[in-house]
N, C-alpha and C. Protein backbone atom coordinates (compact mmCIF):
# COMPACT_ATOMS: atom_id res chain seq x y z
N MET A 1 -18.58 -132.00 -288.23
CA MET A 1 -17.55 -132.88 -288.71
C MET A 1 -17.30 -134.04 -287.75
N SER A 2 -17.48 -133.83 -286.46
CA SER A 2 -17.23 -134.90 -285.49
C SER A 2 -18.22 -136.05 -285.64
N ALA A 3 -19.46 -135.75 -286.07
CA ALA A 3 -20.44 -136.82 -286.25
C ALA A 3 -19.98 -137.80 -287.33
N ILE A 4 -19.22 -137.32 -288.29
CA ILE A 4 -18.70 -138.17 -289.36
C ILE A 4 -17.69 -139.17 -288.81
N LEU A 5 -17.01 -138.82 -287.73
CA LEU A 5 -15.99 -139.69 -287.16
C LEU A 5 -16.56 -140.96 -286.54
N LYS A 6 -17.76 -140.89 -286.02
CA LYS A 6 -18.35 -142.07 -285.38
C LYS A 6 -18.45 -143.20 -286.40
N GLY A 7 -17.93 -144.36 -285.99
CA GLY A 7 -17.96 -145.52 -286.87
C GLY A 7 -16.71 -145.69 -287.72
N MET A 8 -15.78 -144.75 -287.62
CA MET A 8 -14.53 -144.85 -288.38
C MET A 8 -13.53 -145.73 -287.63
N PHE A 9 -12.71 -146.42 -288.37
CA PHE A 9 -11.60 -147.19 -287.82
C PHE A 9 -10.35 -146.33 -287.93
N LEU A 10 -9.36 -146.60 -287.07
CA LEU A 10 -8.17 -145.76 -287.11
C LEU A 10 -6.92 -146.48 -286.67
N HIS A 11 -5.80 -145.92 -287.10
CA HIS A 11 -4.48 -146.29 -286.59
C HIS A 11 -3.80 -145.00 -286.15
N THR A 12 -3.04 -145.08 -285.07
CA THR A 12 -2.19 -143.96 -284.69
C THR A 12 -0.74 -144.35 -284.97
N PHE A 13 0.09 -143.34 -285.18
CA PHE A 13 1.49 -143.54 -285.53
C PHE A 13 2.37 -142.70 -284.62
N ASN A 14 3.58 -143.19 -284.35
CA ASN A 14 4.53 -142.39 -283.58
C ASN A 14 5.29 -141.45 -284.53
N GLU A 15 6.24 -140.70 -284.00
CA GLU A 15 6.98 -139.73 -284.81
C GLU A 15 7.80 -140.40 -285.91
N ALA A 16 8.17 -141.66 -285.72
CA ALA A 16 8.95 -142.39 -286.73
C ALA A 16 8.05 -143.00 -287.81
N GLY A 17 6.72 -142.81 -287.68
CA GLY A 17 5.79 -143.35 -288.66
C GLY A 17 5.40 -144.79 -288.42
N GLU A 18 5.73 -145.32 -287.24
CA GLU A 18 5.39 -146.71 -286.92
C GLU A 18 4.00 -146.78 -286.31
N LEU A 19 3.28 -147.86 -286.62
CA LEU A 19 1.95 -148.08 -286.03
C LEU A 19 2.04 -148.15 -284.52
N CYS A 20 1.11 -147.48 -283.84
CA CYS A 20 1.07 -147.54 -282.37
C CYS A 20 -0.21 -148.18 -281.87
N LYS A 21 -1.33 -147.55 -282.17
CA LYS A 21 -2.62 -148.04 -281.66
C LYS A 21 -3.56 -148.30 -282.83
N GLN A 22 -4.54 -149.17 -282.55
CA GLN A 22 -5.61 -149.41 -283.51
C GLN A 22 -6.92 -149.28 -282.77
N GLY A 23 -7.92 -148.68 -283.43
CA GLY A 23 -9.17 -148.46 -282.73
C GLY A 23 -10.34 -148.20 -283.65
N TYR A 24 -11.47 -147.93 -282.99
CA TYR A 24 -12.77 -147.71 -283.64
C TYR A 24 -13.48 -146.61 -282.87
N VAL A 25 -13.94 -145.58 -283.57
CA VAL A 25 -14.62 -144.46 -282.91
C VAL A 25 -16.05 -144.87 -282.56
N VAL A 26 -16.33 -144.96 -281.25
CA VAL A 26 -17.65 -145.39 -280.80
C VAL A 26 -18.58 -144.22 -280.48
N LYS A 27 -18.01 -143.07 -280.13
CA LYS A 27 -18.80 -141.87 -279.86
C LYS A 27 -17.99 -140.65 -280.25
N ALA A 28 -18.67 -139.60 -280.65
CA ALA A 28 -17.98 -138.36 -281.01
C ALA A 28 -18.86 -137.16 -280.69
N ASN A 29 -18.23 -136.10 -280.20
CA ASN A 29 -18.91 -134.83 -280.07
C ASN A 29 -18.05 -133.77 -280.75
N LYS A 30 -18.29 -132.51 -280.50
CA LYS A 30 -17.56 -131.45 -281.21
C LYS A 30 -16.08 -131.40 -280.87
N THR A 31 -15.70 -131.85 -279.67
CA THR A 31 -14.31 -131.68 -279.24
C THR A 31 -13.53 -132.98 -279.04
N GLU A 32 -14.22 -134.08 -278.75
CA GLU A 32 -13.49 -135.33 -278.50
C GLU A 32 -14.28 -136.55 -278.94
N CYS A 33 -13.52 -137.65 -279.05
CA CYS A 33 -14.11 -138.93 -279.48
C CYS A 33 -13.72 -140.02 -278.49
N ALA A 34 -14.64 -140.95 -278.27
CA ALA A 34 -14.35 -142.15 -277.50
C ALA A 34 -13.92 -143.21 -278.50
N VAL A 35 -12.68 -143.71 -278.32
CA VAL A 35 -12.11 -144.67 -279.26
C VAL A 35 -11.89 -146.00 -278.55
N GLN A 36 -12.55 -147.05 -279.05
CA GLN A 36 -12.32 -148.40 -278.54
C GLN A 36 -11.01 -148.89 -279.12
N LEU A 37 -10.05 -149.19 -278.26
CA LEU A 37 -8.75 -149.69 -278.71
C LEU A 37 -8.76 -151.21 -278.73
N PHE A 38 -7.89 -151.78 -279.56
CA PHE A 38 -7.80 -153.22 -279.71
C PHE A 38 -6.36 -153.69 -279.57
N SER A 39 -6.19 -154.87 -279.01
CA SER A 39 -4.88 -155.49 -278.83
C SER A 39 -4.28 -155.87 -280.18
N TRP A 40 -2.98 -155.63 -280.34
CA TRP A 40 -2.29 -156.09 -281.53
C TRP A 40 -2.10 -157.60 -281.51
N MET A 41 -1.98 -158.16 -280.34
CA MET A 41 -1.71 -159.60 -280.23
C MET A 41 -2.95 -160.46 -280.49
N THR A 42 -4.08 -160.07 -279.92
CA THR A 42 -5.28 -160.91 -280.00
C THR A 42 -6.42 -160.30 -280.80
N GLY A 43 -6.38 -158.98 -280.99
CA GLY A 43 -7.49 -158.30 -281.65
C GLY A 43 -8.64 -157.99 -280.72
N ASP A 44 -8.52 -158.41 -279.45
CA ASP A 44 -9.58 -158.16 -278.47
C ASP A 44 -9.63 -156.68 -278.11
N SER A 45 -10.82 -156.21 -277.74
CA SER A 45 -10.94 -154.83 -277.27
C SER A 45 -10.21 -154.72 -275.93
N THR A 46 -9.55 -153.58 -275.71
CA THR A 46 -8.77 -153.40 -274.49
C THR A 46 -9.35 -152.31 -273.61
N GLU A 47 -9.37 -151.09 -274.09
CA GLU A 47 -9.85 -149.96 -273.31
C GLU A 47 -10.46 -148.93 -274.24
N ILE A 48 -11.17 -148.00 -273.66
CA ILE A 48 -11.69 -146.86 -274.42
C ILE A 48 -10.86 -145.65 -274.04
N GLU A 49 -10.33 -144.98 -275.05
CA GLU A 49 -9.51 -143.80 -274.84
C GLU A 49 -10.21 -142.58 -275.45
N MET A 50 -10.22 -141.50 -274.71
CA MET A 50 -10.77 -140.26 -275.24
C MET A 50 -9.68 -139.56 -276.04
N MET A 51 -10.00 -139.18 -277.27
CA MET A 51 -9.05 -138.50 -278.15
C MET A 51 -9.67 -137.22 -278.66
N PRO A 52 -8.92 -136.12 -278.64
CA PRO A 52 -9.45 -134.87 -279.20
C PRO A 52 -9.72 -135.02 -280.70
N VAL A 53 -10.78 -134.40 -281.16
CA VAL A 53 -11.11 -134.42 -282.59
C VAL A 53 -9.94 -133.89 -283.40
N SER A 54 -9.27 -132.87 -282.88
CA SER A 54 -8.12 -132.29 -283.60
C SER A 54 -7.02 -133.33 -283.83
N VAL A 55 -6.82 -134.24 -282.89
CA VAL A 55 -5.81 -135.29 -283.05
C VAL A 55 -6.23 -136.26 -284.14
N LEU A 56 -7.51 -136.62 -284.17
CA LEU A 56 -7.99 -137.56 -285.18
C LEU A 56 -7.87 -136.99 -286.60
N HIS A 57 -7.87 -135.68 -286.70
CA HIS A 57 -7.69 -135.05 -288.02
C HIS A 57 -6.24 -134.65 -288.28
N GLY A 58 -5.35 -135.04 -287.38
CA GLY A 58 -3.95 -134.65 -287.48
C GLY A 58 -3.08 -135.66 -288.21
N PRO A 59 -1.78 -135.37 -288.29
CA PRO A 59 -0.86 -136.20 -289.06
C PRO A 59 -0.50 -137.54 -288.43
N THR A 60 -0.83 -137.75 -287.15
CA THR A 60 -0.45 -139.00 -286.49
C THR A 60 -1.59 -140.02 -286.47
N VAL A 61 -2.69 -139.72 -287.16
CA VAL A 61 -3.83 -140.64 -287.20
C VAL A 61 -4.26 -140.85 -288.65
N LYS A 62 -4.52 -142.09 -289.00
CA LYS A 62 -5.08 -142.43 -290.30
C LYS A 62 -6.45 -143.05 -290.06
N LEU A 63 -7.48 -142.50 -290.72
CA LEU A 63 -8.85 -142.97 -290.57
C LEU A 63 -9.24 -143.85 -291.76
N TYR A 64 -10.10 -144.84 -291.48
CA TYR A 64 -10.58 -145.76 -292.51
C TYR A 64 -12.09 -145.88 -292.41
N ALA A 65 -12.75 -145.91 -293.55
CA ALA A 65 -14.21 -146.01 -293.57
C ALA A 65 -14.70 -147.43 -293.31
N THR A 66 -13.87 -148.43 -293.66
CA THR A 66 -14.31 -149.82 -293.50
C THR A 66 -13.31 -150.63 -292.69
N GLN A 67 -13.81 -151.68 -292.06
CA GLN A 67 -12.96 -152.58 -291.30
C GLN A 67 -11.95 -153.27 -292.23
N ASN A 68 -12.36 -153.59 -293.43
CA ASN A 68 -11.47 -154.25 -294.38
C ASN A 68 -10.29 -153.35 -294.74
N ASP A 69 -10.56 -152.06 -295.01
CA ASP A 69 -9.47 -151.12 -295.33
C ASP A 69 -8.50 -151.00 -294.15
N TRP A 70 -9.05 -150.95 -292.95
CA TRP A 70 -8.27 -150.85 -291.71
C TRP A 70 -7.36 -152.07 -291.53
N ARG A 71 -7.94 -153.25 -291.71
CA ARG A 71 -7.16 -154.49 -291.56
C ARG A 71 -6.06 -154.58 -292.62
N ARG A 72 -6.44 -154.22 -293.85
CA ARG A 72 -5.46 -154.30 -294.94
C ARG A 72 -4.29 -153.35 -294.69
N ALA A 73 -4.57 -152.14 -294.23
CA ALA A 73 -3.50 -151.17 -293.96
C ALA A 73 -2.57 -151.69 -292.88
N ALA A 74 -3.12 -152.30 -291.83
CA ALA A 74 -2.29 -152.85 -290.77
C ALA A 74 -1.44 -153.99 -291.30
N PHE A 75 -2.02 -154.87 -292.09
CA PHE A 75 -1.28 -155.99 -292.67
C PHE A 75 -0.13 -155.48 -293.53
N GLU A 76 -0.40 -154.49 -294.39
CA GLU A 76 0.63 -153.98 -295.29
C GLU A 76 1.75 -153.29 -294.52
N ALA A 77 1.41 -152.56 -293.45
CA ALA A 77 2.44 -151.92 -292.64
C ALA A 77 3.29 -152.96 -291.92
N GLN A 78 2.65 -153.99 -291.40
CA GLN A 78 3.40 -155.05 -290.72
C GLN A 78 4.25 -155.83 -291.71
N GLN A 79 3.73 -156.05 -292.90
CA GLN A 79 4.48 -156.75 -293.94
C GLN A 79 5.71 -155.94 -294.34
N ALA A 80 5.55 -154.63 -294.50
CA ALA A 80 6.67 -153.76 -294.87
C ALA A 80 7.75 -153.76 -293.79
N ALA A 81 7.32 -153.93 -292.54
CA ALA A 81 8.27 -153.96 -291.42
C ALA A 81 8.84 -155.36 -291.18
N GLY A 82 8.43 -156.34 -291.99
CA GLY A 82 8.94 -157.70 -291.84
C GLY A 82 8.33 -158.45 -290.67
N LEU A 83 7.10 -158.06 -290.28
CA LEU A 83 6.47 -158.66 -289.12
C LEU A 83 5.40 -159.70 -289.46
N THR A 84 5.24 -160.04 -290.73
CA THR A 84 4.25 -161.04 -291.11
C THR A 84 4.97 -162.33 -291.53
N ALA A 85 4.23 -163.41 -291.54
CA ALA A 85 4.80 -164.70 -291.95
C ALA A 85 5.24 -164.63 -293.40
N SER A 86 6.37 -165.18 -293.68
CA SER A 86 6.93 -165.18 -295.02
C SER A 86 5.95 -165.80 -296.01
N GLY A 87 5.74 -165.12 -297.12
CA GLY A 87 4.89 -165.66 -298.17
C GLY A 87 3.40 -165.40 -298.00
N LYS A 88 2.98 -164.87 -296.86
CA LYS A 88 1.56 -164.62 -296.65
C LYS A 88 1.14 -163.38 -297.45
N THR A 89 -0.05 -163.45 -298.01
CA THR A 89 -0.59 -162.33 -298.80
C THR A 89 -1.84 -161.79 -298.12
N TRP A 90 -2.29 -160.65 -298.58
CA TRP A 90 -3.52 -160.08 -298.05
C TRP A 90 -4.69 -161.03 -298.30
N GLU A 91 -4.69 -161.70 -299.43
CA GLU A 91 -5.78 -162.64 -299.74
C GLU A 91 -5.80 -163.79 -298.73
N ASP A 92 -4.64 -164.24 -298.27
CA ASP A 92 -4.59 -165.26 -297.22
C ASP A 92 -5.26 -164.75 -295.95
N MET A 93 -4.97 -163.50 -295.62
CA MET A 93 -5.54 -162.91 -294.41
C MET A 93 -7.04 -162.72 -294.53
N GLU A 94 -7.52 -162.30 -295.70
CA GLU A 94 -8.96 -162.15 -295.90
C GLU A 94 -9.67 -163.48 -295.70
N THR A 95 -9.08 -164.56 -296.20
CA THR A 95 -9.66 -165.89 -296.02
C THR A 95 -9.71 -166.25 -294.54
N LEU A 96 -8.63 -165.98 -293.82
CA LEU A 96 -8.59 -166.26 -292.39
C LEU A 96 -9.64 -165.45 -291.64
N TYR A 97 -9.74 -164.15 -291.94
CA TYR A 97 -10.75 -163.31 -291.27
C TYR A 97 -12.16 -163.84 -291.53
N GLY A 98 -12.42 -164.29 -292.76
CA GLY A 98 -13.74 -164.84 -293.07
C GLY A 98 -14.04 -166.09 -292.28
N ILE A 99 -13.07 -166.95 -292.13
CA ILE A 99 -13.25 -168.20 -291.35
C ILE A 99 -13.52 -167.84 -289.88
N LEU A 100 -12.73 -166.92 -289.33
CA LEU A 100 -12.90 -166.53 -287.93
C LEU A 100 -14.26 -165.88 -287.68
N GLU A 101 -14.70 -165.03 -288.60
CA GLU A 101 -15.99 -164.36 -288.42
C GLU A 101 -17.15 -165.35 -288.49
N ARG A 102 -17.07 -166.33 -289.37
CA ARG A 102 -18.13 -167.34 -289.46
C ARG A 102 -18.15 -168.22 -288.22
N ALA A 103 -17.01 -168.43 -287.60
CA ALA A 103 -16.91 -169.29 -286.42
C ALA A 103 -17.41 -168.60 -285.16
N SER A 104 -17.44 -167.26 -285.17
CA SER A 104 -17.84 -166.56 -283.93
C SER A 104 -19.33 -166.30 -283.86
């Protein structure tokens, strides 16, 4: 089951259900995974954190198969918390992500 985790995107949540960390599983074995974490402010990679496989399958972690699903979930959570620009939609963000990816 741990081999399936490699390549998955994730969010972690605190006890109040608020987003805490965002990351990408870069390596996995039977007991733990190396997760590349990313900054909320810039999206840049920050550090690699080792996380037990049991935590990744627990209630404080949400896994996503695609980067698009991961980004959308973060946008919707931030929008629900009132942290996005007024009037912005997911489609606006998809357009922005496409422009940024073509520019890099």
